[in-house]
């Protein structure tokens, strides 16, 4: 985007890298975008693991969650609608596609500090 501040552009690139890593089911590349103590909140986590309150803490928990998702939902992919960013956060809007399920619009917000995602929160449309 022309005139976009450098830090906002870097954060936007994190959103683009996140989408590419997720759609490639590349856990190492996906997790490299996160701080070691990052948190991730999602209605799907709350539904499948109510004991977590819908929030995961740390890369090992994130790895386990996404590894399970990729195994449990073959064909899962996200279609980018929009990626916007400022100096502190990235908002990724996408359509969730899973074979034999209705498509779902989603917005995901990444809080970014020193080039790493420190918190992410998922909102279902």
N, C-alpha and C. Protein backbone atom coordinates (compact mmCIF):
# COMPACT_ATOMS: atom_id res chain seq x y z
N UNK A 1 0.85 -1.17 0.00
CA UNK A 1 0.00 0.00 0.00
C UNK A 1 0.89 1.23 0.00
N UNK A 2 0.68 2.14 -0.90
CA UNK A 2 1.48 3.35 -1.00
C UNK A 2 1.29 4.21 0.24
N UNK A 3 2.39 4.70 0.78
CA UNK A 3 2.31 5.57 1.94
C UNK A 3 2.12 4.84 3.26
N UNK A 4 2.07 3.53 3.26
CA UNK A 4 1.88 2.76 4.48
C UNK A 4 3.15 2.84 5.32
N UNK A 5 3.02 3.20 6.61
CA UNK A 5 4.21 3.25 7.46
C UNK A 5 4.94 1.90 7.47
N UNK A 6 6.26 1.96 7.66
CA UNK A 6 7.09 0.75 7.56
C UNK A 6 6.64 -0.35 8.51
N UNK A 7 6.36 -0.02 9.76
CA UNK A 7 5.97 -1.05 10.73
C UNK A 7 4.62 -1.67 10.36
N UNK A 8 3.70 -0.84 9.89
CA UNK A 8 2.41 -1.37 9.44
C UNK A 8 2.60 -2.31 8.26
N UNK A 9 3.49 -1.96 7.35
CA UNK A 9 3.77 -2.82 6.19
C UNK A 9 4.39 -4.14 6.63
N UNK A 10 5.30 -4.10 7.60
CA UNK A 10 5.89 -5.33 8.13
C UNK A 10 4.82 -6.20 8.78
N UNK A 11 3.92 -5.57 9.52
CA UNK A 11 2.86 -6.34 10.17
C UNK A 11 1.90 -6.92 9.15
N UNK A 12 1.61 -6.17 8.10
CA UNK A 12 0.76 -6.70 7.04
C UNK A 12 1.41 -7.93 6.41
N UNK A 13 2.72 -7.88 6.23
CA UNK A 13 3.46 -9.03 5.69
C UNK A 13 3.33 -10.24 6.60
N UNK A 14 3.26 -10.02 7.92
CA UNK A 14 3.05 -11.13 8.85
C UNK A 14 1.71 -11.80 8.56
N UNK A 15 0.68 -11.00 8.31
CA UNK A 15 -0.63 -11.56 7.96
C UNK A 15 -0.58 -12.38 6.68
N UNK A 16 0.14 -11.88 5.69
CA UNK A 16 0.27 -12.60 4.43
C UNK A 16 1.05 -13.90 4.62
N UNK A 17 2.13 -13.84 5.40
CA UNK A 17 2.92 -15.05 5.69
C UNK A 17 2.10 -16.06 6.48
N UNK A 18 1.28 -15.56 7.40
CA UNK A 18 0.44 -16.45 8.20
C UNK A 18 -0.53 -17.23 7.30
N UNK A 19 -1.19 -16.51 6.38
CA UNK A 19 -2.13 -17.18 5.48
C UNK A 19 -1.42 -18.23 4.63
N UNK A 20 -0.26 -17.89 4.10
CA UNK A 20 0.48 -18.84 3.26
C UNK A 20 0.91 -20.06 4.05
N UNK A 21 1.42 -19.85 5.26
CA UNK A 21 1.86 -20.98 6.10
C UNK A 21 0.68 -21.85 6.50
N UNK A 22 -0.44 -21.23 6.86
CA UNK A 22 -1.61 -22.00 7.26
C UNK A 22 -2.10 -22.85 6.10
N UNK A 23 -2.26 -22.24 4.94
CA UNK A 23 -2.79 -22.99 3.79
C UNK A 23 -1.83 -24.06 3.30
N UNK A 24 -0.55 -23.95 3.63
CA UNK A 24 0.42 -24.99 3.31
C UNK A 24 0.50 -26.04 4.42
N UNK A 25 -0.26 -25.83 5.50
CA UNK A 25 -0.20 -26.70 6.69
C UNK A 25 1.24 -26.86 7.17
N UNK A 26 1.98 -25.77 7.11
CA UNK A 26 3.39 -25.75 7.51
C UNK A 26 3.49 -25.24 8.94
N UNK A 27 3.43 -26.16 9.89
CA UNK A 27 3.42 -25.79 11.31
C UNK A 27 4.65 -25.02 11.73
N UNK A 28 5.82 -25.42 11.28
CA UNK A 28 7.04 -24.72 11.68
C UNK A 28 7.03 -23.28 11.19
N UNK A 29 6.64 -23.07 9.95
CA UNK A 29 6.60 -21.71 9.40
C UNK A 29 5.51 -20.88 10.09
N UNK A 30 4.38 -21.51 10.39
CA UNK A 30 3.29 -20.83 11.09
C UNK A 30 3.72 -20.41 12.49
N UNK A 31 4.30 -21.34 13.24
CA UNK A 31 4.70 -21.06 14.62
C UNK A 31 5.86 -20.08 14.71
N UNK A 32 6.68 -19.99 13.67
CA UNK A 32 7.79 -19.04 13.67
C UNK A 32 7.29 -17.60 13.72
N UNK A 33 6.04 -17.37 13.38
CA UNK A 33 5.46 -16.03 13.41
C UNK A 33 5.03 -15.61 14.82
N UNK A 34 5.02 -16.55 15.76
CA UNK A 34 4.51 -16.31 17.11
C UNK A 34 5.62 -16.18 18.14
N UNK A 35 5.38 -15.36 19.16
CA UNK A 35 6.24 -15.31 20.34
C UNK A 35 6.07 -16.63 21.10
N UNK A 36 7.08 -17.03 21.84
CA UNK A 36 7.03 -18.31 22.58
C UNK A 36 5.84 -18.39 23.53
N UNK A 37 5.47 -17.25 24.14
CA UNK A 37 4.40 -17.24 25.14
C UNK A 37 3.08 -16.68 24.58
N UNK A 38 2.91 -16.74 23.27
CA UNK A 38 1.71 -16.20 22.62
C UNK A 38 0.45 -16.91 23.10
N UNK A 39 -0.67 -16.20 22.99
CA UNK A 39 -1.98 -16.78 23.28
C UNK A 39 -2.80 -16.79 22.00
N UNK A 40 -3.75 -17.72 21.94
CA UNK A 40 -4.64 -17.84 20.79
C UNK A 40 -6.03 -18.18 21.32
N UNK A 41 -7.02 -17.35 20.95
CA UNK A 41 -8.40 -17.54 21.41
C UNK A 41 -9.31 -17.78 20.21
N UNK A 42 -10.25 -18.72 20.39
CA UNK A 42 -11.15 -19.06 19.29
C UNK A 42 -12.41 -19.73 19.83
N UNK A 43 -13.57 -19.45 19.20
CA UNK A 43 -14.78 -20.17 19.57
C UNK A 43 -14.65 -21.68 19.33
N UNK A 44 -13.87 -22.08 18.32
CA UNK A 44 -13.68 -23.51 18.04
C UNK A 44 -12.90 -24.18 19.19
N UNK A 45 -11.92 -23.48 19.75
CA UNK A 45 -11.18 -24.03 20.89
C UNK A 45 -12.13 -24.22 22.07
N UNK A 46 -12.95 -23.20 22.32
CA UNK A 46 -13.91 -23.27 23.44
C UNK A 46 -14.87 -24.44 23.24
N UNK A 47 -15.34 -24.65 22.00
CA UNK A 47 -16.30 -25.72 21.74
C UNK A 47 -15.66 -27.10 21.89
N UNK A 48 -14.44 -27.27 21.40
CA UNK A 48 -13.79 -28.58 21.43
C UNK A 48 -13.05 -28.87 22.74
N UNK A 49 -12.62 -27.81 23.41
CA UNK A 49 -11.86 -27.96 24.66
C UNK A 49 -12.35 -26.95 25.68
N UNK A 50 -13.57 -27.15 26.23
CA UNK A 50 -14.16 -26.15 27.11
C UNK A 50 -13.30 -25.84 28.34
N UNK A 51 -12.49 -26.78 28.76
CA UNK A 51 -11.63 -26.56 29.93
C UNK A 51 -10.62 -25.44 29.73
N UNK A 52 -10.35 -25.06 28.48
CA UNK A 52 -9.37 -24.00 28.19
C UNK A 52 -9.98 -22.60 28.26
N UNK A 53 -11.31 -22.53 28.32
CA UNK A 53 -11.97 -21.23 28.23
C UNK A 53 -11.84 -20.62 26.85
N UNK A 54 -11.42 -21.43 25.89
CA UNK A 54 -11.27 -20.95 24.52
C UNK A 54 -9.93 -20.31 24.23
N UNK A 55 -8.97 -20.43 25.16
CA UNK A 55 -7.66 -19.78 24.99
C UNK A 55 -6.53 -20.78 25.19
N UNK A 56 -5.59 -20.75 24.25
CA UNK A 56 -4.38 -21.56 24.35
C UNK A 56 -3.21 -20.65 24.69
N UNK A 57 -2.22 -21.20 25.39
CA UNK A 57 -1.05 -20.44 25.80
C UNK A 57 0.22 -21.15 25.36
N UNK A 58 1.09 -20.46 24.64
CA UNK A 58 2.40 -20.99 24.28
C UNK A 58 2.41 -21.79 23.00
N UNK A 59 3.59 -21.82 22.38
CA UNK A 59 3.75 -22.51 21.10
C UNK A 59 3.43 -24.00 21.14
N UNK A 60 3.79 -24.74 22.21
CA UNK A 60 3.43 -26.16 22.21
C UNK A 60 1.91 -26.38 22.10
N UNK A 61 1.13 -25.55 22.78
CA UNK A 61 -0.34 -25.68 22.71
C UNK A 61 -0.85 -25.29 21.32
N UNK A 62 -0.25 -24.25 20.74
CA UNK A 62 -0.65 -23.84 19.39
C UNK A 62 -0.31 -24.94 18.38
N UNK A 63 0.87 -25.52 18.50
CA UNK A 63 1.28 -26.61 17.61
C UNK A 63 0.29 -27.77 17.69
N UNK A 64 -0.05 -28.17 18.91
CA UNK A 64 -0.97 -29.30 19.10
C UNK A 64 -2.34 -28.99 18.49
N UNK A 65 -2.82 -27.76 18.68
CA UNK A 65 -4.12 -27.37 18.15
C UNK A 65 -4.15 -27.44 16.63
N UNK A 66 -3.17 -26.82 16.00
CA UNK A 66 -3.18 -26.79 14.53
C UNK A 66 -2.85 -28.15 13.94
N UNK A 67 -1.98 -28.90 14.55
CA UNK A 67 -1.69 -30.26 14.05
C UNK A 67 -2.97 -31.09 14.05
N UNK A 68 -3.73 -30.99 15.14
CA UNK A 68 -5.00 -31.71 15.22
C UNK A 68 -5.98 -31.21 14.16
N UNK A 69 -6.04 -29.89 13.98
CA UNK A 69 -6.96 -29.32 12.99
C UNK A 69 -6.64 -29.82 11.59
N UNK A 70 -5.35 -29.83 11.22
CA UNK A 70 -4.97 -30.28 9.89
C UNK A 70 -5.28 -31.76 9.69
N UNK A 71 -5.15 -32.56 10.75
CA UNK A 71 -5.46 -33.99 10.66
C UNK A 71 -6.97 -34.23 10.64
N UNK A 72 -7.67 -33.55 11.51
CA UNK A 72 -9.12 -33.73 11.68
C UNK A 72 -9.92 -33.18 10.51
N UNK A 73 -9.39 -32.14 9.85
CA UNK A 73 -10.13 -31.45 8.79
C UNK A 73 -9.34 -31.45 7.47
N UNK A 74 -9.17 -32.61 6.85
CA UNK A 74 -8.44 -32.62 5.58
C UNK A 74 -9.16 -31.72 4.58
N UNK A 75 -8.38 -30.98 3.84
CA UNK A 75 -8.96 -30.06 2.87
C UNK A 75 -9.26 -28.68 3.45
N UNK A 76 -8.99 -28.48 4.73
CA UNK A 76 -9.18 -27.16 5.34
C UNK A 76 -8.31 -26.13 4.63
N UNK A 77 -8.92 -25.02 4.23
CA UNK A 77 -8.15 -23.93 3.64
C UNK A 77 -8.87 -22.61 3.90
N UNK A 78 -8.09 -21.56 3.90
CA UNK A 78 -8.62 -20.22 4.12
C UNK A 78 -8.43 -19.39 2.86
N UNK A 79 -9.48 -18.69 2.49
CA UNK A 79 -9.47 -17.80 1.33
C UNK A 79 -9.39 -16.36 1.83
N UNK A 80 -8.33 -15.68 1.50
CA UNK A 80 -8.14 -14.30 1.96
C UNK A 80 -9.18 -13.37 1.36
N UNK A 81 -9.80 -12.58 2.23
CA UNK A 81 -10.71 -11.52 1.81
C UNK A 81 -9.98 -10.18 1.90
N UNK A 82 -9.34 -9.93 3.05
CA UNK A 82 -8.61 -8.68 3.25
C UNK A 82 -7.60 -8.84 4.37
N UNK A 83 -6.50 -8.11 4.26
CA UNK A 83 -5.51 -8.04 5.33
C UNK A 83 -5.20 -6.56 5.54
N UNK A 84 -5.41 -6.09 6.76
CA UNK A 84 -5.08 -4.71 7.10
C UNK A 84 -4.20 -4.73 8.34
N UNK A 85 -3.40 -3.68 8.48
CA UNK A 85 -2.48 -3.65 9.62
C UNK A 85 -2.15 -2.22 10.00
N UNK A 86 -1.79 -2.06 11.27
CA UNK A 86 -1.19 -0.82 11.73
C UNK A 86 0.08 -1.20 12.48
N UNK A 87 0.59 -0.31 13.30
CA UNK A 87 1.86 -0.55 13.98
C UNK A 87 1.78 -1.62 15.07
N UNK A 88 0.55 -2.00 15.48
CA UNK A 88 0.40 -2.91 16.62
C UNK A 88 -0.41 -4.17 16.33
N UNK A 89 -1.17 -4.15 15.25
CA UNK A 89 -2.04 -5.30 15.02
C UNK A 89 -2.27 -5.54 13.53
N UNK A 90 -2.70 -6.76 13.27
CA UNK A 90 -3.06 -7.19 11.92
C UNK A 90 -4.47 -7.76 12.00
N UNK A 91 -5.31 -7.41 11.05
CA UNK A 91 -6.64 -8.01 10.95
C UNK A 91 -6.68 -8.76 9.63
N UNK A 92 -6.94 -10.06 9.74
CA UNK A 92 -7.04 -10.91 8.56
C UNK A 92 -8.49 -11.37 8.45
N UNK A 93 -9.12 -11.04 7.34
CA UNK A 93 -10.47 -11.51 7.07
C UNK A 93 -10.36 -12.61 6.03
N UNK A 94 -11.03 -13.74 6.31
CA UNK A 94 -10.94 -14.85 5.38
C UNK A 94 -12.20 -15.70 5.43
N UNK A 95 -12.34 -16.53 4.41
CA UNK A 95 -13.43 -17.49 4.34
C UNK A 95 -12.85 -18.87 4.64
N UNK A 96 -13.41 -19.54 5.63
CA UNK A 96 -12.98 -20.89 6.00
C UNK A 96 -13.71 -21.90 5.12
N UNK A 97 -12.92 -22.74 4.45
CA UNK A 97 -13.46 -23.79 3.60
C UNK A 97 -13.05 -25.14 4.16
N UNK A 98 -14.04 -25.99 4.41
CA UNK A 98 -13.81 -27.37 4.81
C UNK A 98 -14.77 -28.21 3.98
N UNK A 99 -14.27 -29.24 3.29
CA UNK A 99 -15.17 -30.08 2.50
C UNK A 99 -16.35 -30.58 3.34
N UNK A 100 -17.54 -30.55 2.76
CA UNK A 100 -18.79 -31.02 3.37
C UNK A 100 -19.27 -30.15 4.53
N UNK A 101 -18.72 -28.95 4.69
CA UNK A 101 -19.20 -28.00 5.70
C UNK A 101 -19.54 -26.69 5.00
N UNK A 102 -20.44 -25.94 5.61
CA UNK A 102 -20.77 -24.61 5.08
C UNK A 102 -19.54 -23.71 5.22
N UNK A 103 -19.35 -22.82 4.25
CA UNK A 103 -18.26 -21.86 4.37
C UNK A 103 -18.55 -20.93 5.54
N UNK A 104 -17.48 -20.42 6.15
CA UNK A 104 -17.63 -19.56 7.32
C UNK A 104 -16.75 -18.33 7.18
N UNK A 105 -17.35 -17.13 7.25
CA UNK A 105 -16.53 -15.93 7.26
C UNK A 105 -15.89 -15.75 8.63
N UNK A 106 -14.62 -15.37 8.63
CA UNK A 106 -13.86 -15.25 9.87
C UNK A 106 -13.01 -13.98 9.81
N UNK A 107 -12.85 -13.36 10.97
CA UNK A 107 -11.87 -12.30 11.14
C UNK A 107 -10.94 -12.74 12.26
N UNK A 108 -9.65 -12.56 12.05
CA UNK A 108 -8.66 -12.93 13.06
C UNK A 108 -7.77 -11.70 13.30
N UNK A 109 -7.59 -11.39 14.56
CA UNK A 109 -6.80 -10.22 14.94
C UNK A 109 -5.51 -10.70 15.61
N UNK A 110 -4.39 -10.23 15.10
CA UNK A 110 -3.07 -10.53 15.67
C UNK A 110 -2.53 -9.28 16.35
N UNK A 111 -2.18 -9.41 17.61
CA UNK A 111 -1.44 -8.35 18.30
C UNK A 111 0.03 -8.65 18.07
N UNK A 112 0.78 -7.67 17.56
CA UNK A 112 2.17 -7.90 17.17
C UNK A 112 3.08 -6.98 17.97
N UNK A 113 4.14 -7.58 18.53
CA UNK A 113 5.18 -6.83 19.24
C UNK A 113 6.53 -7.34 18.76
N UNK A 114 7.41 -6.44 18.45
CA UNK A 114 8.77 -6.76 17.98
C UNK A 114 8.79 -7.85 16.91
N UNK A 115 7.85 -7.75 15.96
CA UNK A 115 7.84 -8.64 14.82
C UNK A 115 7.27 -10.02 15.05
N UNK A 116 6.66 -10.26 16.21
CA UNK A 116 6.06 -11.57 16.51
C UNK A 116 4.62 -11.39 16.97
N UNK A 117 3.79 -12.36 16.65
CA UNK A 117 2.41 -12.36 17.13
C UNK A 117 2.45 -12.76 18.61
N UNK A 118 1.90 -11.89 19.47
CA UNK A 118 1.87 -12.19 20.90
C UNK A 118 0.49 -12.66 21.34
N UNK A 119 -0.53 -12.33 20.55
CA UNK A 119 -1.89 -12.78 20.85
C UNK A 119 -2.67 -12.79 19.56
N UNK A 120 -3.54 -13.79 19.42
CA UNK A 120 -4.43 -13.84 18.27
C UNK A 120 -5.82 -14.21 18.78
N UNK A 121 -6.80 -13.60 18.15
CA UNK A 121 -8.19 -13.85 18.54
C UNK A 121 -9.02 -14.02 17.28
N UNK A 122 -9.83 -15.07 17.27
CA UNK A 122 -10.66 -15.42 16.12
C UNK A 122 -12.11 -15.02 16.39
N UNK A 123 -12.75 -14.44 15.38
CA UNK A 123 -14.17 -14.07 15.44
C UNK A 123 -14.87 -14.70 14.26
N UNK A 124 -15.90 -15.48 14.53
CA UNK A 124 -16.67 -16.12 13.46
C UNK A 124 -17.80 -15.19 13.02
N UNK A 125 -18.03 -15.15 11.70
CA UNK A 125 -19.10 -14.33 11.14
C UNK A 125 -20.42 -15.05 11.16
